[in-house]
Amino acid sequence: NQGVRRSQTQGTFAAVSSLPNNALIASDKRDNTAFYAASGSTFYRSTNSATSFSTAGTLSGATVIRDIAVHPQVAGDVWVSTDAGIFHSTNGGTSFTLVSSTVTN
């Protein structure tokens, strides 16, 4: 596993060292500088086209983040599925609200 990699030249890829190798990634379709990532129970965001990531809002009670979805028409509208429930952010992952704690497989 080579971890998370990015390219600005459509040819040469470089590792994104600020993320764990197994991170989930999602992009914001309305803001091409915004990317979101998760690993374990930590949520990350990038505001510089995935050049680097930093930790963002907390997902209270979550120990595993399962998936990230970003609204395709609303910038900063992020949904996160975890073992503790579904969380929603309207500010690009700065903060999250628990929407539902009932999650089934």
Protein backbone atom coordinates (compact mmCIF):
# COMPACT_ATOMS: atom_id res chain seq x y z
CA ASN A 1 0.00 0.00 0.00
CA GLN A 2 1.47 3.33 -1.05
CA GLY A 3 -1.04 5.39 0.92
CA VAL A 4 -2.85 8.47 -0.32
CA ARG A 5 -1.30 10.13 -3.36
CA ARG A 6 -2.19 13.24 -5.39
CA SER A 7 -1.23 14.76 -8.72
CA GLN A 8 -1.50 18.26 -10.11
CA THR A 9 0.12 17.35 -13.43
CA GLN A 10 -2.01 14.32 -14.35
CA GLY A 11 1.15 12.26 -14.43
CA THR A 12 3.43 12.62 -11.43
CA PHE A 13 1.97 11.55 -8.08
CA ALA A 14 3.25 12.50 -4.63
CA ALA A 15 2.34 11.04 -1.25
CA VAL A 16 0.09 13.04 1.06
CA SER A 17 2.15 12.63 4.21
CA SER A 18 -0.40 14.27 6.53
CA LEU A 19 -2.80 11.29 6.16
CA PRO A 20 -2.57 7.67 7.29
CA ASN A 21 -2.12 5.13 4.48
CA ASN A 22 -5.60 3.65 4.95
CA ALA A 23 -7.58 6.93 4.88
CA LEU A 24 -10.97 7.28 3.22
CA ILE A 25 -11.12 10.26 0.84
CA ALA A 26 -13.98 12.43 -0.49
CA SER A 27 -13.93 15.60 -2.56
CA ASP A 28 -16.21 18.63 -2.48
CA LYS A 29 -17.69 19.00 -5.97
CA ARG A 30 -18.56 22.68 -5.37
CA ASP A 31 -15.22 23.73 -3.86
CA ASN A 32 -12.26 22.26 -5.73
CA THR A 33 -9.88 23.16 -2.89
CA ALA A 34 -11.84 21.17 -0.27
CA PHE A 35 -11.16 17.50 0.39
CA TYR A 36 -12.20 15.35 3.34
CA ALA A 37 -10.62 12.23 4.79
CA ALA A 38 -11.00 9.84 7.69
CA SER A 39 -9.03 7.11 9.38
CA GLY A 40 -10.13 5.23 12.49
CA SER A 41 -12.18 7.77 14.42
CA THR A 42 -10.35 10.87 13.15
CA PHE A 43 -11.84 13.22 10.55
CA TYR A 44 -9.50 15.38 8.46
CA ARG A 45 -9.98 18.17 5.96
CA SER A 46 -7.90 19.96 3.38
CA THR A 47 -8.49 23.48 2.10
CA ASN A 48 -5.53 23.46 -0.30
CA SER A 49 -6.53 20.89 -2.95
CA ALA A 50 -5.34 17.92 -0.84
CA THR A 51 -1.77 19.15 -0.54
CA SER A 52 -2.06 18.69 3.22
CA PHE A 53 -4.74 17.68 5.71
CA SER A 54 -5.39 18.63 9.33
CA THR A 55 -7.77 17.20 11.91
CA ALA A 56 -11.22 18.76 11.86
CA GLY A 57 -14.50 18.33 13.74
CA THR A 58 -15.03 15.52 16.24
CA LEU A 59 -17.58 12.75 15.86
CA SER A 60 -18.71 12.20 19.44
CA GLY A 61 -18.63 8.55 20.50
CA ALA A 62 -17.39 7.22 17.15
CA THR A 63 -14.52 4.74 17.11
CA VAL A 64 -14.72 3.81 13.41
CA ILE A 65 -15.59 6.04 10.45
CA ARG A 66 -17.14 3.92 7.72
CA ASP A 67 -17.84 6.36 4.89
CA ILE A 68 -17.84 10.03 3.87
CA ALA A 69 -20.36 11.58 1.47
CA VAL A 70 -20.36 15.18 0.25
CA HIS A 71 -23.47 16.83 -1.19
CA PRO A 72 -22.80 17.27 -4.92
CA GLN A 73 -24.48 20.69 -5.11
CA VAL A 74 -23.81 22.28 -1.70
CA ALA A 75 -20.26 23.26 -0.74
CA GLY A 76 -19.21 22.12 2.73
CA ASP A 77 -22.21 19.80 3.24
CA VAL A 78 -20.58 16.62 4.58
CA TRP A 79 -22.18 13.39 5.84
CA VAL A 80 -20.19 10.80 7.79
CA SER A 81 -21.24 7.25 8.65
CA THR A 82 -19.69 5.82 11.83
CA ASP A 83 -20.22 3.02 14.31
CA ALA A 84 -21.94 5.60 16.57
CA GLY A 85 -24.35 6.84 13.90
CA ILE A 86 -24.68 9.31 11.05
CA PHE A 87 -23.15 12.78 11.46
CA HIS A 88 -23.77 15.90 9.36
CA SER A 89 -21.73 19.07 8.87
CA THR A 90 -22.77 22.20 7.02
CA ASN A 91 -19.45 23.99 7.52
CA GLY A 92 -16.96 21.74 5.76
CA GLY A 93 -16.30 19.47 8.72
CA THR A 94 -15.50 22.14 11.30
CA SER A 95 -18.30 20.75 13.48
CA PHE A 96 -20.74 17.84 13.26
CA THR A 97 -24.23 17.08 14.53
CA LEU A 98 -25.37 13.53 15.25
CA VAL A 99 -28.37 12.96 12.97
CA SER A 100 -29.14 9.33 13.82
CA SER A 101 -27.61 6.85 16.22
CA THR A 102 -29.54 3.96 14.67
CA VAL A 103 -27.28 2.36 12.09
CA THR A 104 -27.81 -1.08 10.60
CA ASN A 105 -25.71 -2.99 8.10
